Amino acid sequence: MPIATPAPGKTLLDPTDHAVILIDHQSQMAFATHSIDAVQLRNNVALVARSAAGFRVPTILTTVAEKSFSGPMFGEIREAFPDAEVIDRTTM
């Protein structure tokens, strides 16, 4: 009888075949979100951001009107990607 050996599945994601985009994770944008508690939203996105950073997954970060309306990106994301460029758009 052959012995089973563990091997990654052929369909698993890895940092070479996908990316993460974190779009407009800012307090003013989260304020209008009613489908999830704001604290839970921040905890969830922090988990995603730290996982992406830890596995070195290419990640794009965006904000909208950071200086004039929406405020800065969640600190949890900036902590995960301290040197990343954030693309700030002027409108949605």
C-alpha atoms as a PDB file:
ATOM      1  CA  MET A   1       0.000   0.000   0.000  1.00  0.00           C
ATOM      2  CA  PRO A   2       1.494   3.429  -0.964  1.00  0.00           C
ATOM      3  CA  ILE A   3       2.134   5.963   1.782  1.00  0.00           C
ATOM      4  CA  ALA A   4       0.369   9.316   1.443  1.00  0.00           C
ATOM      5  CA  THR A   5       2.646  12.339   1.350  1.00  0.00           C
ATOM      6  CA  PRO A   6       1.427  15.894   1.901  1.00  0.00           C
ATOM      7  CA  ALA A   7       1.673  18.244  -1.051  1.00  0.00           C
ATOM      8  CA  PRO A   8       0.118  21.639  -1.734  1.00  0.00           C
ATOM      9  CA  GLY A   9      -2.910  21.588  -3.981  1.00  0.00           C
ATOM     10  CA  LYS A  10      -2.416  22.781  -7.549  1.00  0.00           C
ATOM     11  CA  THR A  11      -5.140  25.398  -7.123  1.00  0.00           C
ATOM     12  CA  LEU A  12      -3.781  27.127  -3.997  1.00  0.00           C
ATOM     13  CA  LEU A  13      -3.023  30.823  -4.306  1.00  0.00           C
ATOM     14  CA  ASP A  14       0.509  32.069  -3.932  1.00  0.00           C
ATOM     15  CA  PRO A  15       2.074  35.550  -4.156  1.00  0.00           C
ATOM     16  CA  THR A  16       2.935  35.049  -7.825  1.00  0.00           C
ATOM     17  CA  ASP A  17      -0.615  34.563  -9.090  1.00  0.00           C
ATOM     18  CA  HIS A  18      -2.771  37.084  -7.242  1.00  0.00           C
ATOM     19  CA  ALA A  19      -2.850  40.492  -5.550  1.00  0.00           C
ATOM     20  CA  VAL A  20      -4.850  42.284  -2.867  1.00  0.00           C
ATOM     21  CA  ILE A  21      -6.448  45.709  -3.281  1.00  0.00           C
ATOM     22  CA  LEU A  22      -7.526  47.545  -0.139  1.00  0.00           C
ATOM     23  CA  ILE A  23      -9.822  50.342  -1.297  1.00  0.00           C
ATOM     24  CA  ASP A  24     -10.701  53.373   0.828  1.00  0.00           C
ATOM     25  CA  HIS A  25     -10.402  51.860   4.303  1.00  0.00           C
ATOM     26  CA  GLN A  26     -10.899  55.179   6.080  1.00  0.00           C
ATOM     27  CA  SER A  27     -13.015  56.226   9.047  1.00  0.00           C
ATOM     28  CA  GLN A  28     -15.376  58.455   7.067  1.00  0.00           C
ATOM     29  CA  MET A  29     -15.979  55.685   4.521  1.00  0.00           C
ATOM     30  CA  ALA A  30     -16.610  53.118   7.284  1.00  0.00           C
ATOM     31  CA  PHE A  31     -19.005  55.498   9.041  1.00  0.00           C
ATOM     32  CA  ALA A  32     -21.750  54.791   6.496  1.00  0.00           C
ATOM     33  CA  THR A  33     -21.262  51.021   6.621  1.00  0.00           C
ATOM     34  CA  HIS A  34     -24.147  49.359   8.427  1.00  0.00           C
ATOM     35  CA  SER A  35     -23.673  45.732   7.371  1.00  0.00           C
ATOM     36  CA  ILE A  36     -20.814  45.182   9.838  1.00  0.00           C
ATOM     37  CA  ASP A  37     -19.729  46.735  13.120  1.00  0.00           C
ATOM     38  CA  ALA A  38     -16.924  49.283  12.591  1.00  0.00           C
ATOM     39  CA  VAL A  39     -14.619  47.553  15.084  1.00  0.00           C
ATOM     40  CA  GLN A  40     -15.173  44.188  13.432  1.00  0.00           C
ATOM     41  CA  LEU A  41     -14.516  45.775  10.024  1.00  0.00           C
ATOM     42  CA  ARG A  42     -11.204  47.190  11.236  1.00  0.00           C
ATOM     43  CA  ASN A  43     -10.216  43.888  12.848  1.00  0.00           C
ATOM     44  CA  ASN A  44     -11.041  41.973   9.674  1.00  0.00           C
ATOM     45  CA  VAL A  45      -9.141  44.313   7.372  1.00  0.00           C
ATOM     46  CA  ALA A  46      -6.182  44.303   9.788  1.00  0.00           C
ATOM     47  CA  LEU A  47      -6.090  40.516   9.562  1.00  0.00           C
ATOM     48  CA  VAL A  48      -6.196  40.633   5.753  1.00  0.00           C
ATOM     49  CA  ALA A  49      -3.506  43.339   5.618  1.00  0.00           C
ATOM     50  CA  ARG A  50      -1.144  41.548   8.019  1.00  0.00           C
ATOM     51  CA  SER A  51      -1.647  38.260   6.174  1.00  0.00           C
ATOM     52  CA  ALA A  52      -0.952  39.875   2.802  1.00  0.00           C
ATOM     53  CA  ALA A  53       2.148  41.605   4.157  1.00  0.00           C
ATOM     54  CA  GLY A  54       3.384  38.469   5.904  1.00  0.00           C
ATOM     55  CA  PHE A  55       3.017  36.356   2.777  1.00  0.00           C
ATOM     56  CA  ARG A  56       4.449  39.166   0.610  1.00  0.00           C
ATOM     57  CA  VAL A  57       1.369  39.345  -1.573  1.00  0.00           C
ATOM     58  CA  PRO A  58       1.439  42.346  -3.936  1.00  0.00           C
ATOM     59  CA  THR A  59      -0.981  44.861  -2.396  1.00  0.00           C
ATOM     60  CA  ILE A  60      -2.445  48.110  -3.707  1.00  0.00           C
ATOM     61  CA  LEU A  61      -3.657  50.668  -1.156  1.00  0.00           C
ATOM     62  CA  THR A  62      -6.058  53.488  -2.001  1.00  0.00           C
ATOM     63  CA  THR A  63      -7.782  56.352  -0.225  1.00  0.00           C
ATOM     64  CA  VAL A  64     -10.238  58.982  -1.393  1.00  0.00           C
ATOM     65  CA  ALA A  65      -9.923  62.655  -0.416  1.00  0.00           C
ATOM     66  CA  GLU A  66      -7.692  61.776   2.515  1.00  0.00           C
ATOM     67  CA  LYS A  67      -6.736  65.353   3.404  1.00  0.00           C
ATOM     68  CA  SER A  68     -10.075  67.073   2.820  1.00  0.00           C
ATOM     69  CA  PHE A  69     -12.839  64.654   3.813  1.00  0.00           C
ATOM     70  CA  SER A  70     -12.279  60.964   4.492  1.00  0.00           C
ATOM     71  CA  GLY A  71      -9.270  61.044   6.785  1.00  0.00           C
ATOM     72  CA  PRO A  72      -6.267  58.728   6.803  1.00  0.00           C
ATOM     73  CA  MET A  73      -6.235  55.044   5.984  1.00  0.00           C
ATOM     74  CA  PHE A  74      -6.817  52.783   8.983  1.00  0.00           C
ATOM     75  CA  GLY A  75      -3.645  52.653  11.049  1.00  0.00           C
ATOM     76  CA  GLU A  76      -3.772  48.855  11.111  1.00  0.00           C
ATOM     77  CA  ILE A  77      -3.198  48.796   7.358  1.00  0.00           C
ATOM     78  CA  ARG A  78      -0.412  51.378   7.468  1.00  0.00           C
ATOM     79  CA  GLU A  79       1.292  49.339  10.203  1.00  0.00           C
ATOM     80  CA  ALA A  80       1.227  46.269   7.949  1.00  0.00           C
ATOM     81  CA  PHE A  81       2.601  48.258   4.987  1.00  0.00           C
ATOM     82  CA  PRO A  82       4.648  51.094   6.517  1.00  0.00           C
ATOM     83  CA  ASP A  83       6.590  51.902   3.339  1.00  0.00           C
ATOM     84  CA  ALA A  84       3.847  51.342   0.775  1.00  0.00           C
ATOM     85  CA  GLU A  85       2.658  54.098  -1.512  1.00  0.00           C
ATOM     86  CA  VAL A  86      -1.015  54.949  -1.005  1.00  0.00           C
ATOM     87  CA  ILE A  87      -2.910  56.117  -4.069  1.00  0.00           C
ATOM     88  CA  ASP A  88      -5.136  59.017  -2.985  1.00  0.00           C
ATOM     89  CA  ARG A  89      -7.942  59.888  -5.364  1.00  0.00           C
ATOM     90  CA  THR A  90      -9.707  63.223  -5.247  1.00  0.00           C
ATOM     91  CA  THR A  91     -13.180  61.790  -5.966  1.00  0.00           C
ATOM     92  CA  MET A  92     -14.991  58.487  -5.795  1.00  0.00           C
END
